[in-house]
Each structure stands twice: as C-alpha cells, then as structure tokens.
Amino acid sequence: MAPMSRRPSPSCPCGLPGTYEKCCGRFHRGEAAAPTAEALMRSRYSAFVRRDEPYLLRTWHPRTRPARVGFDPGMRWTGLEILDTADGSAFHATGTVTFRASFRGGALHERSRFERVEGAWVYVDGEFLD
C-alpha cells in the first residue's frame, strides 16, 4: 500500500510566503493582532477573499464601520500588490497603505488610512486612485 500523500496547505491570499493558517489566518481567528498597518491591510484583503465579514467589521474603525459588508457574489480576487506605505509601524498612531487589489476583469487601486484604537490597528477609510 502506497503512503498517503499530504496535500500542501494553501498559500495565503495576501501574497506573503507561507500558509493562510500561519499568516492571515491567525489574525482572522483572533490569535494575534496585526502589528502594522500593512499587515492589517493584507489580512483584510485575505478576509475579503475568504468573505470573513466578522473580521472585516472587527477591524473597521467604529466611526466609519458599516452595519454589514456587501460582498459581490461574482467577485473573484486574484492578487494583492502593496505599492507604498507611510508610517503604520509599532511607533505610529496612524498610517497609510497604497495598494492594487486585482480581481477577475480589473483592479482596485486605493490609498487606505489606518489608525490605532485601543492599541489595535483598524481601517478608517480609503481614497480610490486611477
């Protein structure tokens, strides 16, 4: 009898090396908090890919958070590219991340603003770019 082959764990949608479980999955499960604005941006992208509404709402600033996240059932995210970051480290209270999130048929180009609330990074809002 041949040994069972082990299926490799799927890679994380955020684009960093490693599995989802060890990358963004730990943030989604609440085992850790994103240490930087960029890490939060990446984890939120992964949450959109996985349609994890509770995580998205939990990491949205209370003053700008919607009641629900409206997922487009036809949307298929295909990749994330971080273009620029400003501040957003452990030494900052605010930060911005400029990114391009690709989906089947197009891309979303945005500069997102993040702030710390009670020590945790949260998404405030974003400006769409051309």
Protein backbone atom coordinates (compact mmCIF):
# COMPACT_ATOMS: atom_id res chain seq x y z
CA MET A 1 0.00 0.00 0.00
CA ALA A 2 1.41 3.38 -1.00
CA PRO A 3 1.87 6.00 1.71
CA MET A 4 -0.78 8.71 1.81
CA SER A 5 0.44 11.90 0.23
CA ARG A 6 -0.03 15.01 2.26
CA ARG A 7 -1.69 17.87 0.42
CA PRO A 8 0.24 21.10 0.80
CA SER A 9 -1.59 23.79 2.77
CA PRO A 10 -2.93 26.56 0.59
CA SER A 11 -0.83 29.70 0.42
CA CYS A 12 -2.13 32.90 1.98
CA PRO A 13 -4.22 35.12 -0.33
CA CYS A 14 -2.31 38.20 0.88
CA GLY A 15 0.71 37.23 -1.22
CA LEU A 16 3.26 36.67 1.54
CA PRO A 17 5.05 33.33 1.65
CA GLY A 18 3.55 30.78 3.96
CA THR A 19 0.19 29.21 4.52
CA TYR A 20 -3.03 31.03 5.28
CA GLU A 21 -3.16 29.32 8.69
CA LYS A 22 0.21 30.73 9.77
CA CYS A 23 -0.16 34.10 8.03
CA CYS A 24 -3.51 35.94 7.99
CA GLY A 25 -5.47 33.05 9.48
CA ARG A 26 -4.06 33.74 12.95
CA PHE A 27 -5.36 37.32 12.76
CA HIS A 28 -8.76 36.17 11.49
CA ARG A 29 -9.04 33.66 14.33
CA GLY A 30 -8.12 36.33 16.91
CA GLU A 31 -4.91 34.56 17.99
CA ALA A 32 -2.84 37.67 17.23
CA ALA A 33 -3.34 41.28 16.19
CA ALA A 34 -1.82 42.72 13.04
CA PRO A 35 1.37 44.51 14.19
CA THR A 36 1.43 47.11 11.39
CA ALA A 37 -0.99 48.92 9.11
CA GLU A 38 0.37 46.92 6.16
CA ALA A 39 -0.20 43.62 7.98
CA LEU A 40 -3.76 44.71 8.72
CA MET A 41 -4.25 45.68 5.06
CA ARG A 42 -3.03 42.28 3.93
CA SER A 43 -5.22 40.47 6.46
CA ARG A 44 -8.28 42.47 5.40
CA TYR A 45 -7.61 41.62 1.74
CA SER A 46 -7.46 37.94 2.75
CA ALA A 47 -10.71 38.41 4.67
CA PHE A 48 -12.37 39.80 1.52
CA VAL A 49 -11.09 36.81 -0.45
CA ARG A 50 -12.49 34.45 2.20
CA ARG A 51 -15.62 36.57 2.83
CA ASP A 52 -14.89 36.84 6.54
CA GLU A 53 -17.36 39.56 7.48
CA PRO A 54 -16.84 39.36 11.28
CA TYR A 55 -13.10 40.05 10.89
CA LEU A 56 -13.66 42.91 8.46
CA LEU A 57 -16.16 44.58 10.80
CA ARG A 58 -13.96 43.98 13.85
CA THR A 59 -11.01 45.69 12.14
CA TRP A 60 -13.01 48.68 10.80
CA HIS A 61 -12.84 51.96 12.74
CA PRO A 62 -16.03 52.42 14.83
CA ARG A 63 -16.73 55.87 13.34
CA THR A 64 -16.66 54.62 9.71
CA ARG A 65 -17.75 50.98 10.12
CA PRO A 66 -20.82 49.97 8.07
CA ALA A 67 -23.54 47.76 9.52
CA ARG A 68 -22.64 44.99 7.06
CA VAL A 69 -20.10 44.18 4.37
CA GLY A 70 -21.72 43.78 0.98
CA PHE A 71 -19.88 41.02 -0.84
CA ASP A 72 -20.39 40.81 -4.60
CA PRO A 73 -21.11 37.12 -5.24
CA GLY A 74 -19.42 37.31 -8.66
CA MET A 75 -16.22 38.95 -7.37
CA ARG A 76 -13.10 36.78 -7.56
CA TRP A 77 -10.00 38.41 -6.07
CA THR A 78 -6.80 37.33 -7.81
CA GLY A 79 -3.92 39.18 -6.15
CA LEU A 80 -2.65 41.96 -3.92
CA GLU A 81 0.24 44.32 -4.61
CA ILE A 82 1.42 46.77 -1.93
CA LEU A 83 2.65 49.89 -3.74
CA ASP A 84 3.56 52.18 -0.84
CA THR A 85 3.32 52.52 2.93
CA ALA A 86 3.70 55.59 5.14
CA ASP A 87 4.01 55.29 8.91
CA GLY A 88 1.83 52.50 10.30
CA SER A 89 4.55 50.77 12.35
CA ALA A 90 4.61 49.95 16.06
CA PHE A 91 5.88 53.52 16.63
CA HIS A 92 2.95 55.29 14.92
CA ALA A 93 -0.70 56.06 15.71
CA THR A 94 -1.70 56.39 12.04
CA GLY A 95 -0.56 55.02 8.71
CA THR A 96 -1.44 54.70 5.05
CA VAL A 97 -1.09 51.80 2.65
CA THR A 98 -1.41 52.23 -1.11
CA PHE A 99 -2.27 49.01 -2.89
CA ARG A 100 -3.66 47.43 -6.01
CA ALA A 101 -6.06 44.53 -5.48
CA SER A 102 -6.71 42.61 -8.67
CA PHE A 103 -9.89 40.77 -9.46
CA ARG A 104 -11.12 38.90 -12.47
CA GLY A 105 -11.75 41.67 -15.01
CA GLY A 106 -10.00 44.58 -13.31
CA ALA A 107 -8.25 46.06 -10.29
CA LEU A 108 -8.95 48.31 -7.33
CA HIS A 109 -6.26 50.94 -6.65
CA GLU A 110 -6.64 52.59 -3.25
CA ARG A 111 -4.77 54.55 -0.60
CA SER A 112 -6.17 53.32 2.72
CA ARG A 113 -5.92 55.13 6.04
CA PHE A 114 -5.42 53.27 9.30
CA GLU A 115 -5.44 54.33 12.95
CA ARG A 116 -4.84 52.64 16.26
CA VAL A 117 -7.86 52.20 18.53
CA GLU A 118 -7.02 50.90 22.00
CA GLY A 119 -3.65 49.79 20.64
CA ALA A 120 -5.00 47.80 17.67
CA TRP A 121 -4.76 48.82 14.02
CA VAL A 122 -8.10 49.46 12.30
CA TYR A 123 -9.11 50.54 8.79
CA VAL A 124 -10.55 54.08 8.66
CA ASP A 125 -11.28 54.76 5.01
CA GLY A 126 -9.73 54.85 1.57
CA GLU A 127 -9.28 57.04 -1.46
CA PHE A 128 -9.64 55.42 -4.87
CA LEU A 129 -6.77 56.24 -7.24
CA ASP A 130 -6.52 56.00 -11.02
